[in-house]
């Protein structure tokens, strides 16, 4: 009833606004005011009324569309997953979903395409994140899914259509008004810029562009909907949070207290780990046009989880307790965990189940198929490496060589050389180091510096570029390679030198009186070796 009343409140706000605009127009006309200014005001109110009417009456109810990056799995493809889903749905007291999609996100969600504001049930779709299958055990995943089915059995997903309807209509109305306001501002700015360009062409100084009150009427009309939207969410927040607690209780009853509490702890940690994995490993070679082996873009997460288990244990020990937002409809994780852990011991200990990935009959095929539907065509066209070791080595080698390009160009500009490593050392030997430094891109501070200060600004940049160039040359001559590490950044391994020797040689090459003998010696002994000396993380 509260959700329905709040939805009707949206229409009341719209009608009040339309009424206020209509009364204003009527007062102008009834007073016999037919001036150009009055007619403009009436025309403006009619223009503002259009998006309000569209928001009130032209928006359909929320319609769920299958995720574009999701992989639909049929029962004959993954019978064990479907059997588990059906069992959990039955235990929760609701019907199973009609469709299951695997998605590349740390999330499980339920959608129901209900009708008549949620009063008539419809198609149910379950989304299961592949990272959950990689990082949870079966009991934890059962808890997560039972939580979602708890929303099914409590009819949250059907009655939630009323909430979504109100939210979407307010969002549509506000976004339309703000979009039209932005268009008016843009038009006014374009006119002002054209006017100022004519002033500058006549030799006059340009003035600061001011769009004035352009689009103000649209922004003012959006304000009441923004205020009501905030009130709407805050009013429903208590109900939505109680729904989350009820779904947690359903999960604990079906999957066990300990498994539910551990799943609640694990999901935020898994979310952070997956984000880090995608940024630091899966996409490591993207700028070099490289991708991990087939199925490893998402499937390689387990390497990180195994290697960094100690780090992740520390994260599991601490849960965020504060409110993320005054409008957040989910209770804090710490609060949910505390409520579950206060339940009586049911004798089902956490950690005794097998990995959730075992629910898939063909996990490797599922990871590969998910890549095909979720990656962009540009990503799918990238070269696949044979393994992770090759990905790291090839990508880091490419980046080192690419980073050194400004130094190569500066040497060509100063000496006319070919930009090769030998030509760079020859230029430094010839005393051209600081002329080369002048050709490199500089910050505003570096450009303003002179004398000794200019050299001190240039030295770290020269050191970094020369290091990248040296590393690329060592690799090309077989004297070094990059090595994969799941616990740290990629490691550079030198075959016939130590990190200290390389650092000393670089320091000497960018000293006030440059000396490149050390670098020449490093390169002269470069070559494949039976053993390598590990250096610190590059």
Protein backbone atom coordinates (compact mmCIF):
# COMPACT_ATOMS: atom_id res chain seq x y z
CA UNK A 1 0.00 0.00 0.00
CA UNK A 2 2.85 2.35 0.84
CA UNK A 3 4.53 1.64 -2.50
CA UNK A 4 1.27 2.28 -4.35
CA UNK A 5 0.60 5.53 -2.47
CA UNK A 6 4.13 6.73 -3.16
CA UNK A 7 3.71 5.91 -6.86
CA UNK A 8 0.46 7.89 -6.95
CA UNK A 9 2.33 10.72 -5.22
CA UNK A 10 4.50 11.05 -8.33
CA UNK A 11 1.39 11.76 -10.40
CA UNK A 12 0.19 14.24 -7.79
CA UNK A 13 3.50 16.14 -8.06
CA UNK A 14 3.16 16.21 -11.83
CA UNK A 15 -0.45 17.37 -11.72
CA UNK A 16 0.39 20.10 -9.19
CA UNK A 17 3.17 21.36 -11.45
CA UNK A 18 0.93 21.29 -14.51
CA UNK A 19 -1.79 23.00 -12.53
CA UNK A 20 0.58 25.74 -11.39
CA UNK A 21 1.71 26.32 -14.98
CA UNK A 22 -1.92 26.38 -16.16
CA UNK A 23 -3.03 28.82 -13.44
CA UNK A 24 -0.16 31.14 -14.30
CA UNK A 25 -1.14 31.12 -17.97
CA UNK A 26 -4.82 31.65 -17.11
CA UNK A 27 -4.01 34.66 -14.93
CA UNK A 28 -1.96 36.21 -17.70
CA UNK A 29 -4.69 35.68 -20.30
CA UNK A 30 -7.59 36.67 -18.01
CA UNK A 31 -5.94 40.03 -17.32
CA UNK A 32 -5.97 40.64 -21.04
CA UNK A 33 -2.23 40.65 -21.31
CA UNK A 34 -1.39 39.93 -24.94
CA UNK A 35 2.07 41.42 -25.02
CA UNK A 36 4.95 39.64 -26.69
CA UNK A 37 6.45 38.93 -23.25
CA UNK A 38 3.24 37.33 -21.96
CA UNK A 39 2.90 35.18 -25.09
CA UNK A 40 6.50 34.03 -24.68
CA UNK A 41 5.79 33.00 -21.07
CA UNK A 42 2.71 31.01 -22.15
CA UNK A 43 4.71 29.33 -24.91
CA UNK A 44 7.49 28.51 -22.45
CA UNK A 45 5.07 26.89 -19.97
CA UNK A 46 3.65 24.73 -22.77
CA UNK A 47 7.17 23.61 -23.74
CA UNK A 48 8.03 22.76 -20.11
CA UNK A 49 4.73 20.87 -19.68
CA UNK A 50 5.56 18.41 -22.49
CA UNK A 51 8.33 16.41 -20.69
CA UNK A 52 6.24 16.40 -17.51
CA UNK A 53 3.34 14.84 -19.39
CA UNK A 54 5.69 12.39 -21.10
CA UNK A 55 7.08 11.31 -17.76
CA UNK A 56 3.63 10.82 -16.28
CA UNK A 57 1.89 8.96 -19.06
CA UNK A 58 4.27 7.90 -21.82
CA UNK A 59 6.59 5.59 -19.86
CA UNK A 60 5.92 1.87 -19.92
CA UNK A 61 6.41 -0.32 -16.91
CA UNK A 62 9.95 -1.59 -16.36
CA UNK A 63 10.85 -4.36 -18.77
CA UNK A 64 13.71 -6.74 -18.14
CA UNK A 65 15.98 -7.47 -21.07
CA UNK A 66 18.48 -10.35 -21.01
CA UNK A 67 21.97 -9.07 -20.18
CA UNK A 68 23.96 -8.32 -23.32
CA UNK A 69 27.08 -9.71 -21.64
CA UNK A 70 25.34 -12.76 -20.20
CA UNK A 71 25.54 -16.40 -21.32
CA UNK A 72 22.24 -18.25 -21.25
CA UNK A 73 22.66 -21.85 -20.13
CA UNK A 74 20.04 -24.49 -20.83
CA UNK A 75 19.33 -27.43 -18.58
CA UNK A 76 20.85 -29.96 -20.98
CA UNK A 77 24.10 -27.92 -20.99
CA UNK A 78 24.53 -27.61 -17.22
CA UNK A 79 22.20 -30.14 -15.57
CA UNK A 80 23.89 -30.00 -12.14
CA UNK A 81 23.54 -26.22 -11.90
CA UNK A 82 19.90 -26.41 -12.91
CA UNK A 83 19.23 -29.26 -10.47
CA UNK A 84 20.74 -27.20 -7.64
CA UNK A 85 18.68 -24.16 -8.62
CA UNK A 86 15.47 -26.19 -8.75
CA UNK A 87 16.20 -27.81 -5.37
CA UNK A 88 16.88 -24.46 -3.72
CA UNK A 89 13.73 -22.95 -5.22
CA UNK A 90 11.67 -25.83 -3.91
CA UNK A 91 13.20 -25.55 -0.44
CA UNK A 92 12.48 -21.84 -0.41
CA UNK A 93 8.87 -22.43 -1.38
CA UNK A 94 8.81 -20.85 -4.81
CA UNK A 95 9.01 -21.88 -8.44
CA UNK A 96 12.35 -22.06 -10.19
CA UNK A 97 13.42 -19.41 -12.70
CA UNK A 98 12.62 -19.90 -16.36
CA UNK A 99 16.09 -18.86 -17.52
CA UNK A 100 19.61 -18.79 -16.07
CA UNK A 101 22.35 -16.48 -17.32
CA UNK A 102 26.01 -16.61 -16.36
CA UNK A 103 27.45 -13.09 -16.16
CA UNK A 104 31.00 -11.67 -15.72
CA UNK A 105 30.26 -9.92 -12.41
CA UNK A 106 30.37 -10.68 -8.69
CA UNK A 107 26.63 -10.73 -8.42
CA UNK A 108 23.55 -12.90 -8.28
CA UNK A 109 20.24 -11.29 -9.09
CA UNK A 110 16.65 -12.18 -9.78
CA UNK A 111 14.31 -10.48 -12.22
CA UNK A 112 10.65 -11.15 -12.81
CA UNK A 113 8.73 -9.66 -15.73
CA UNK A 114 5.47 -9.25 -13.83
CA UNK A 115 2.40 -7.43 -15.10
CA UNK A 116 -0.27 -5.13 -13.69
CA UNK A 117 2.23 -3.43 -11.34
CA UNK A 118 3.47 -6.80 -10.09
CA UNK A 119 0.09 -8.33 -9.30
CA UNK A 120 0.38 -10.91 -12.09
CA UNK A 121 3.58 -13.04 -12.01
CA UNK A 122 5.65 -13.47 -15.14
CA UNK A 123 8.90 -14.80 -16.55
CA UNK A 124 11.67 -15.24 -13.96
CA UNK A 125 15.34 -14.90 -14.81
CA UNK A 126 18.28 -15.72 -12.55
CA UNK A 127 21.70 -14.13 -13.10
CA UNK A 128 24.70 -15.95 -11.60
CA UNK A 129 28.14 -14.33 -11.64
CA UNK A 130 30.93 -16.58 -12.87
CA UNK A 131 33.32 -15.07 -10.27
CA UNK A 132 30.96 -16.42 -7.59
CA UNK A 133 31.37 -19.89 -9.05
CA UNK A 134 35.16 -19.41 -9.04
CA UNK A 135 35.44 -18.05 -5.52
CA UNK A 136 32.69 -19.64 -3.41
CA UNK A 137 32.09 -23.20 -2.32
CA UNK A 138 28.80 -24.96 -3.01
CA UNK A 139 27.31 -24.15 0.40
CA UNK A 140 28.16 -20.45 0.07
CA UNK A 141 26.73 -20.28 -3.45
CA UNK A 142 23.62 -22.10 -2.24
CA UNK A 143 23.26 -19.40 0.42
CA UNK A 144 23.58 -16.63 -2.16
CA UNK A 145 21.00 -18.24 -4.45
CA UNK A 146 18.67 -19.08 -1.55
CA UNK A 147 18.80 -15.38 -0.60
CA UNK A 148 17.58 -14.52 -4.11
CA UNK A 149 14.87 -17.16 -3.95
CA UNK A 150 13.88 -15.66 -0.61
CA UNK A 151 12.88 -12.58 -2.58
CA UNK A 152 10.86 -14.87 -4.86
CA UNK A 153 8.95 -16.56 -2.03
CA UNK A 154 8.31 -13.26 -0.25
CA UNK A 155 6.91 -11.81 -3.52
CA UNK A 156 9.48 -9.00 -3.33
CA UNK A 157 10.29 -9.34 -7.02
CA UNK A 158 6.68 -8.95 -8.08
CA UNK A 159 5.68 -6.15 -5.72
CA UNK A 160 9.00 -4.49 -6.44
CA UNK A 161 7.58 -3.61 -9.87
CA UNK A 162 5.58 -0.84 -8.21
CA UNK A 163 8.76 0.62 -6.75
CA UNK A 164 10.60 0.32 -10.05
CA UNK A 165 7.70 1.91 -11.93
CA UNK A 166 7.76 5.00 -9.71
CA UNK A 167 11.54 5.22 -9.77
CA UNK A 168 11.78 4.85 -13.55
CA UNK A 169 9.06 7.41 -14.23
CA UNK A 170 10.70 9.97 -11.95
CA UNK A 171 14.09 9.24 -13.50
CA UNK A 172 12.68 9.60 -17.01
CA UNK A 173 10.97 12.89 -16.23
CA UNK A 174 14.00 14.41 -14.49
CA UNK A 175 16.46 13.21 -17.17
CA UNK A 176 14.25 14.61 -19.96
CA UNK A 177 13.97 18.00 -18.26
CA UNK A 178 17.70 18.15 -17.51
CA UNK A 179 18.58 17.01 -21.04
CA UNK A 180 16.50 19.82 -22.52
CA UNK A 181 18.06 22.27 -20.09
CA UNK A 182 21.54 21.16 -21.18
CA UNK A 183 20.55 21.57 -24.85
CA UNK A 184 19.37 25.13 -24.20
CA UNK A 185 22.61 25.92 -22.37
CA UNK A 186 24.65 24.43 -25.23
CA UNK A 187 22.73 26.47 -27.82
CA UNK A 188 23.22 29.65 -25.80
CA UNK A 189 26.93 28.91 -25.37
CA UNK A 190 27.37 28.29 -29.10
CA UNK A 191 25.74 31.64 -29.88
CA UNK A 192 27.89 33.40 -27.30
CA UNK A 193 31.08 31.79 -28.62
CA UNK A 194 30.22 32.85 -32.16
CA UNK A 195 29.61 36.39 -30.93
CA UNK A 196 32.91 36.48 -29.05
CA UNK A 197 34.74 35.13 -32.10
CA UNK A 198 33.44 38.10 -34.10
CA UNK A 199 34.66 40.44 -31.34
CA UNK A 200 38.15 38.89 -31.41
CA UNK A 201 38.21 39.14 -35.23
CA UNK A 202 37.63 42.89 -34.88
CA UNK A 203 40.63 43.14 -32.55
CA UNK A 204 38.64 43.34 -29.32
CA UNK A 205 39.39 41.26 -26.23
CA UNK A 206 37.28 38.17 -25.59
CA UNK A 207 34.87 38.22 -22.66
CA UNK A 208 33.94 35.36 -20.35
CA UNK A 209 30.97 33.45 -21.75
CA UNK A 210 27.87 33.51 -19.57
CA UNK A 211 24.85 31.40 -20.55
CA UNK A 212 22.68 33.33 -18.08
CA UNK A 213 19.30 31.76 -17.35
CA UNK A 214 19.28 29.45 -20.38
CA UNK A 215 17.43 26.24 -19.50
CA UNK A 216 16.47 27.54 -16.06
CA UNK A 217 12.78 26.77 -16.51
CA UNK A 218 13.54 23.10 -17.17
CA UNK A 219 15.85 22.87 -14.15
CA UNK A 220 13.22 24.48 -11.91
CA UNK A 221 10.55 22.05 -13.18
CA UNK A 222 12.87 19.11 -12.38
CA UNK A 223 13.45 20.21 -8.77
CA UNK A 224 10.12 18.95 -7.31
CA UNK A 225 10.67 15.53 -8.91
CA UNK A 226 14.21 15.37 -7.50
CA UNK A 227 12.96 16.23 -4.02
CA UNK A 228 10.12 13.73 -4.25
CA UNK A 229 12.46 11.07 -5.61
CA UNK A 230 14.70 11.36 -2.54
CA UNK A 231 11.65 11.20 -0.27
CA UNK A 232 10.38 8.20 -2.26
CA UNK A 233 13.57 6.16 -1.79
CA UNK A 234 13.95 7.06 1.89
CA UNK A 235 10.32 6.11 2.53
CA UNK A 236 10.75 2.67 0.95
CA UNK A 237 14.22 2.02 2.34
CA UNK A 238 12.98 0.45 5.59
CA UNK A 239 10.73 -1.98 3.73
CA UNK A 240 13.48 -2.92 1.29
CA UNK A 241 15.94 -3.53 4.10
CA UNK A 242 13.47 -5.77 5.92
CA UNK A 243 13.17 -7.74 2.68
CA UNK A 244 16.97 -8.23 2.69
CA UNK A 245 16.94 -9.47 6.30
CA UNK A 246 14.08 -11.87 5.51
CA UNK A 247 15.97 -13.22 2.49
CA UNK A 248 19.07 -13.73 4.69
CA UNK A 249 16.98 -15.78 7.13
CA UNK A 250 15.73 -17.94 4.25
CA UNK A 251 19.32 -18.47 3.10
CA UNK A 252 20.46 -19.46 6.61
CA UNK A 253 17.57 -21.92 6.98
CA UNK A 254 18.38 -23.65 3.69
CA UNK A 255 22.18 -23.40 3.33
CA UNK A 256 23.15 -23.15 7.00
CA UNK A 257 24.00 -20.33 9.38
CA UNK A 258 27.77 -20.55 8.98
CA UNK A 259 27.69 -20.85 5.19
CA UNK A 260 25.40 -17.82 4.97
CA UNK A 261 27.57 -15.71 7.26
CA UNK A 262 30.74 -16.73 5.43
CA UNK A 263 29.14 -15.99 2.04
CA UNK A 264 28.16 -12.51 3.22
CA UNK A 265 31.79 -11.95 4.26
CA UNK A 266 33.19 -13.46 1.09
CA UNK A 267 31.22 -11.59 -1.56
CA UNK A 268 32.71 -8.09 -0.88
CA UNK A 269 36.21 -9.60 -0.75
CA UNK A 270 35.58 -11.50 -3.98
CA UNK A 271 34.26 -8.32 -5.60
CA UNK A 272 37.46 -6.44 -4.72
CA UNK A 273 39.65 -9.34 -5.87
CA UNK A 274 37.83 -9.67 -9.19
CA UNK A 275 38.12 -5.96 -9.91
CA UNK A 276 41.84 -6.05 -9.16
CA UNK A 277 42.28 -9.18 -11.27
CA UNK A 278 40.55 -7.66 -14.28
CA UNK A 279 42.58 -4.44 -14.07
CA UNK A 280 45.99 -5.95 -13.29
CA UNK A 281 45.96 -9.32 -15.02
CA UNK A 282 43.13 -9.99 -17.49
CA UNK A 283 43.57 -6.61 -19.21
CA UNK A 284 47.34 -6.36 -18.69
CA UNK A 285 48.08 -6.90 -22.38
CA UNK A 286 45.12 -4.98 -23.82
CA UNK A 287 47.14 -1.93 -24.86
CA UNK A 288 49.60 -4.27 -26.53
CA UNK A 289 46.81 -6.07 -28.41
CA UNK A 290 47.08 -9.21 -26.27
CA UNK A 291 44.57 -11.32 -24.36
CA UNK A 292 45.03 -14.29 -22.00
CA UNK A 293 44.43 -17.81 -23.39
CA UNK A 294 40.90 -18.85 -24.32
CA UNK A 295 38.68 -19.08 -21.26
CA UNK A 296 41.19 -17.36 -18.97
CA UNK A 297 39.90 -13.77 -19.19
CA UNK A 298 37.43 -14.59 -16.42
CA UNK A 299 38.56 -18.15 -15.67
CA UNK A 300 42.04 -17.10 -14.51
CA UNK A 301 40.66 -15.53 -11.35
CA UNK A 302 41.29 -18.71 -9.38
CA UNK A 303 45.07 -18.24 -9.79
CA UNK A 304 44.88 -14.93 -7.93
CA UNK A 305 42.56 -16.26 -5.23
CA UNK A 306 44.90 -19.16 -4.49
CA UNK A 307 48.10 -17.10 -4.52
CA UNK A 308 46.76 -14.25 -2.39
CA UNK A 309 44.73 -16.24 0.12
CA UNK A 310 46.57 -14.70 3.10
CA UNK A 311 45.82 -11.17 1.89
CA UNK A 312 42.19 -12.05 1.31
CA UNK A 313 41.93 -13.56 4.80
CA UNK A 314 42.83 -10.16 6.24
CA UNK A 315 40.08 -8.53 4.19
CA UNK A 316 37.55 -11.09 5.38
CA UNK A 317 38.31 -10.15 8.96
CA UNK A 318 37.09 -6.60 8.57
CA UNK A 319 33.70 -5.59 7.22
CA UNK A 320 32.55 -2.05 6.37
CA UNK A 321 30.07 -0.92 9.00
CA UNK A 322 29.08 2.55 7.89
CA UNK A 323 26.22 3.51 5.63
CA UNK A 324 27.27 3.86 1.99
CA UNK A 325 24.43 6.33 1.38
CA UNK A 326 21.33 7.64 3.07
CA UNK A 327 19.42 6.16 0.12
CA UNK A 328 21.05 2.71 0.12
CA UNK A 329 18.31 0.07 0.22
CA UNK A 330 20.69 -2.67 1.44
CA UNK A 331 21.69 -2.84 5.11
CA UNK A 332 25.44 -2.71 5.89
CA UNK A 333 27.11 -6.11 5.39
CA UNK A 334 28.44 -6.06 8.96
CA UNK A 335 24.89 -5.71 10.28
CA UNK A 336 23.63 -8.57 8.13
CA UNK A 337 26.51 -10.84 9.18
CA UNK A 338 25.90 -10.04 12.86
CA UNK A 339 22.21 -10.91 12.59
CA UNK A 340 22.95 -14.24 10.89
CA UNK A 341 25.68 -15.18 13.38
CA UNK A 342 23.25 -14.58 16.26
CA UNK A 343 21.05 -17.42 14.99
CA UNK A 344 21.26 -20.78 16.86
CA UNK A 345 23.98 -23.18 15.73
CA UNK A 346 22.44 -25.61 13.24
CA UNK A 347 25.40 -28.02 13.21
CA UNK A 348 26.35 -27.26 9.59
CA UNK A 349 29.92 -26.02 9.65
CA UNK A 350 31.22 -23.75 6.91
CA UNK A 351 34.00 -24.88 4.60
CA UNK A 352 32.99 -28.53 4.27
CA UNK A 353 31.51 -28.24 0.77
CA UNK A 354 33.34 -28.55 -2.55
CA UNK A 355 34.01 -25.63 -4.90
CA UNK A 356 30.95 -24.10 -6.54
CA UNK A 357 32.61 -24.41 -9.94
CA UNK A 358 31.95 -28.15 -9.62
CA UNK A 359 28.28 -27.39 -10.35
CA UNK A 360 29.25 -26.78 -13.97
CA UNK A 361 29.74 -29.87 -16.13
CA UNK A 362 31.88 -27.89 -18.59
CA UNK A 363 33.43 -24.92 -16.77
CA UNK A 364 36.17 -24.29 -19.34
CA UNK A 365 33.62 -24.19 -22.16
CA UNK A 366 31.41 -21.87 -20.13
CA UNK A 367 34.27 -19.42 -19.48
CA UNK A 368 35.19 -19.44 -23.19
CA UNK A 369 31.58 -18.94 -24.32
CA UNK A 370 31.13 -16.10 -21.82
CA UNK A 371 34.08 -14.29 -23.37
CA UNK A 372 32.43 -14.53 -26.78
CA UNK A 373 29.25 -12.76 -25.61
CA UNK A 374 30.76 -10.25 -23.20
CA UNK A 375 33.97 -8.98 -24.83
CA UNK A 376 33.89 -6.31 -27.51
CA UNK A 377 34.65 -7.24 -31.14
CA UNK A 378 37.90 -5.29 -30.80
CA UNK A 379 38.94 -7.35 -27.78
CA UNK A 380 37.99 -10.63 -29.43
CA UNK A 381 40.21 -9.71 -32.39
CA UNK A 382 43.31 -9.41 -30.16
CA UNK A 383 46.03 -12.04 -30.25
CA UNK A 384 45.70 -14.81 -27.66
CA UNK A 385 48.87 -15.86 -25.89
CA UNK A 386 49.71 -19.49 -25.25
CA UNK A 387 49.80 -19.01 -21.46
CA UNK A 388 49.94 -16.35 -18.75
CA UNK A 389 53.76 -16.31 -18.76
CA UNK A 390 53.82 -15.35 -22.42
CA UNK A 391 51.14 -12.70 -21.87
CA UNK A 392 53.13 -10.99 -19.12
CA UNK A 393 56.46 -11.16 -20.96
CA UNK A 394 55.14 -9.98 -24.33
CA UNK A 395 52.98 -7.23 -22.87
CA UNK A 396 55.64 -5.80 -20.56
CA UNK A 397 58.26 -5.98 -23.32
CA UNK A 398 55.96 -4.04 -25.63
CA UNK A 399 55.29 -1.40 -22.97
CA UNK A 400 58.99 -0.99 -22.17
CA UNK A 401 59.83 -0.50 -25.83
CA UNK A 402 56.90 1.86 -26.36
CA UNK A 403 57.79 3.94 -23.28
CA UNK A 404 61.27 4.54 -24.70
CA UNK A 405 59.98 6.05 -27.96
CA UNK A 406 60.32 9.70 -26.81
CA UNK A 407 64.00 9.08 -26.04
CA UNK A 408 64.61 7.49 -29.45
CA UNK A 409 62.91 10.43 -31.18
CA UNK A 410 64.86 13.00 -29.16
CA UNK A 411 68.15 11.30 -30.14
CA UNK A 412 67.14 11.32 -33.82
CA UNK A 413 66.23 15.01 -33.61
CA UNK A 414 69.50 15.99 -31.90
CA UNK A 415 72.05 13.77 -33.65
CA UNK A 416 70.30 12.53 -36.76
CA UNK A 417 70.96 8.96 -35.64
CA UNK A 418 68.60 6.04 -36.16
CA UNK A 419 67.34 5.97 -32.54
CA UNK A 420 68.79 2.53 -31.87
CA UNK A 421 70.23 1.67 -28.48
CA UNK A 422 73.79 1.98 -29.75
CA UNK A 423 73.01 5.41 -31.25
CA UNK A 424 71.57 6.56 -27.90
CA UNK A 425 74.73 5.53 -26.03
CA UNK A 426 76.89 7.14 -28.73
CA UNK A 427 74.94 10.41 -28.36
CA UNK A 428 75.43 10.39 -24.59
CA UNK A 429 79.13 9.61 -25.07
CA UNK A 430 79.36 12.60 -27.42
CA UNK A 431 78.02 14.94 -24.70
CA UNK A 432 74.53 15.40 -26.14
CA UNK A 433 72.61 14.16 -23.07
CA UNK A 434 71.25 17.54 -21.99
CA UNK A 435 70.39 18.58 -25.54
CA UNK A 436 68.42 15.33 -25.76
CA UNK A 437 66.72 16.19 -22.46
CA UNK A 438 65.58 19.51 -23.94
CA UNK A 439 63.75 17.65 -26.71
CA UNK A 440 61.73 15.49 -24.33
CA UNK A 441 58.16 16.42 -23.34
CA UNK A 442 58.21 18.62 -20.22
CA UNK A 443 55.80 19.73 -17.52
CA UNK A 444 55.07 23.45 -17.11
CA UNK A 445 57.46 23.59 -14.14
CA UNK A 446 60.23 21.86 -16.09
CA UNK A 447 59.81 24.27 -18.99
CA UNK A 448 60.17 27.25 -16.68
CA UNK A 449 63.30 25.89 -14.96
CA UNK A 450 66.79 26.93 -16.03
CA UNK A 451 70.37 25.93 -15.25
CA UNK A 452 70.87 23.37 -12.50
CA UNK A 453 67.15 23.23 -11.70
CA UNK A 454 66.38 22.28 -15.30
CA UNK A 455 68.81 19.35 -15.10
CA UNK A 456 67.28 18.11 -11.85
CA UNK A 457 63.84 18.16 -13.46
CA UNK A 458 65.17 16.28 -16.50
CA UNK A 459 67.29 13.66 -14.69
CA UNK A 460 64.47 11.38 -13.34
CA UNK A 461 62.75 11.44 -16.72
CA UNK A 462 65.97 10.56 -18.53
CA UNK A 463 66.67 7.79 -16.02
CA UNK A 464 63.22 6.27 -16.51
CA UNK A 465 63.33 6.41 -20.32
CA UNK A 466 66.87 5.05 -20.49
CA UNK A 467 65.87 2.22 -18.15
CA UNK A 468 62.94 1.26 -20.40
CA UNK A 469 65.18 1.37 -23.45
CA UNK A 470 67.86 -0.73 -21.72
CA UNK A 471 65.33 -3.32 -20.57
CA UNK A 472 63.91 -3.60 -24.10
CA UNK A 473 67.44 -4.03 -25.49
CA UNK A 474 68.39 -6.63 -22.88
CA UNK A 475 65.27 -8.63 -23.71
CA UNK A 476 65.95 -8.36 -27.44
CA UNK A 477 69.48 -9.74 -26.87
CA UNK A 478 68.25 -12.56 -24.63
CA UNK A 479 69.67 -11.04 -21.45
CA UNK A 480 66.42 -10.56 -19.52
CA UNK A 481 62.77 -11.55 -19.44
CA UNK A 482 59.59 -10.63 -17.57
CA UNK A 483 58.06 -13.22 -15.30
CA UNK A 484 54.51 -13.66 -14.09
CA UNK A 485 53.78 -13.23 -10.39
CA UNK A 486 50.31 -13.75 -8.91
CA UNK A 487 51.38 -12.10 -5.65
CA UNK A 488 53.12 -9.04 -7.06
CA UNK A 489 53.62 -6.97 -10.17
CA UNK A 490 55.47 -8.58 -13.12
CA UNK A 491 59.10 -9.36 -12.27
CA UNK A 492 62.05 -8.46 -14.47
CA UNK A 493 64.72 -11.15 -14.32
CA UNK A 494 68.21 -10.27 -15.51
CA UNK A 495 70.26 -13.23 -16.71
CA UNK A 496 73.82 -11.99 -16.20
CA UNK A 497 73.53 -8.96 -13.94
CA UNK A 498 71.89 -7.81 -10.75
CA UNK A 499 69.39 -5.03 -10.20
CA UNK A 500 72.04 -3.03 -8.34
CA UNK A 501 74.40 -3.25 -11.30
CA UNK A 502 71.69 -2.00 -13.65
CA UNK A 503 70.79 0.87 -11.31
CA UNK A 504 74.41 1.96 -10.91
CA UNK A 505 74.95 1.90 -14.67
CA UNK A 506 71.83 4.02 -15.25
CA UNK A 507 72.80 6.50 -12.52
CA UNK A 508 76.20 6.94 -14.16
CA UNK A 509 74.62 7.47 -17.59
CA UNK A 510 72.52 10.44 -16.39
CA UNK A 511 75.11 11.98 -14.06
CA UNK A 512 76.36 15.55 -14.59
CA UNK A 513 79.29 13.97 -16.42
CA UNK A 514 77.59 11.03 -18.16
CA UNK A 515 79.36 7.68 -18.35
CA UNK A 516 77.88 4.76 -20.33
CA UNK A 517 80.63 2.19 -19.83
CA UNK A 518 78.52 0.29 -17.31
CA UNK A 519 75.60 0.03 -19.72
CA UNK A 520 77.87 -1.18 -22.50
CA UNK A 521 79.26 -3.88 -20.22
CA UNK A 522 75.75 -5.04 -19.27
CA UNK A 523 74.80 -5.35 -22.93
CA UNK A 524 78.05 -7.06 -23.91
CA UNK A 525 77.39 -9.94 -21.50
CA UNK A 526 73.66 -10.23 -22.24
CA UNK A 527 72.44 -13.62 -23.30
CA UNK A 528 70.31 -16.57 -22.24
CA UNK A 529 71.38 -18.17 -18.97
CA UNK A 530 70.69 -21.41 -17.15
CA UNK A 531 69.64 -19.52 -14.04
CA UNK A 532 68.44 -16.02 -13.38
CA UNK A 533 68.75 -13.63 -10.49
CA UNK A 534 65.50 -12.32 -9.15
CA UNK A 535 65.20 -8.59 -8.76
CA UNK A 536 62.67 -6.50 -6.90
CA UNK A 537 59.32 -5.72 -8.53
CA UNK A 538 59.73 -3.40 -11.47
